[in-house]
Amino acid sequence: MKKLLPGLAILSGCSSPAAHDAHGPHASHGDHAFHHRFENPSEWAKTFDAADRDAWQRPAELTLLLELSPGMVVADIGAGTGYFLPYLSPAVGDSGKVLALDVEAEMVDYMKARATKEGLKNIEARAVDPSDPALAPGTVDRVVLIDTWHHIEQRVEYTRRLAAGLKPGGSVYIVDFTLEASHGPPAQHRLSPAQVMEELTAGGLVAEVMTETLPDQYVVRGKKVSP
């Protein structure tokens, strides 16, 4: 992955229509990644955690789709301000762990403070490189990228790194905006479910489109099948 300019991020929980619609892309390289600047988490929280987000993001439905159970390890990549943490944390329970990963150090600090404030004791928030989620080999049951996949460059190589971090039978879930959505990233940066499936398959996962009721988004799952 090409080195980003100072202050640019590609994995920073760009999880609201306003975040996409209000700003144009800074650059497009490799796999047509959409780069966006994410600074000042307290300000972004007004968007990422807006009251109307639940209506179109449907976090409870998505959490059920992940088929989480107590004791699992789930990685939320591009977790931003931690919007999904209150859903993921109780789903894996005290014996499980949620890895809240983001490239922005300020976002990570914000999530640490949020987890403490909300009593989410199984959260491990940390900063990661844009090109590498830094998952220890064979340690993660689920990986979720919410409104984040179109920000990533070299997505096939990134998938290989995700696959290496999964336990046998573990899965990656990509949630992103449809080509027809009334909001989301600019049209040239949107990805079809078919393209996402191709990228996950090329990275070594068995991909399928999931059934859901999201109004403007799709979910593609890539599963690590045991040899």
Foldseek 3Di string as FASTA:
>chain_A
DDDDDPQKFQQACCFAQCQAPVDAAPDQDAPRAGIHGDDDLVVCCCGNVPPCSCVQVVLLQVLVVQVAAAQAEEEEISCHQPNNVVVNQPRNDPNYAYEDETQDPVSLVNNVVVCVVVVRPRYDYDYDDLQARPADFQRHQEYEYRQRQLNHHPLLSRLLRVLRNHHAFHKYKYKHFALPAPGHHPNVSDDHLVRVCVSNVSNQFHKDWDDDDRPGITMMMTTHHDD
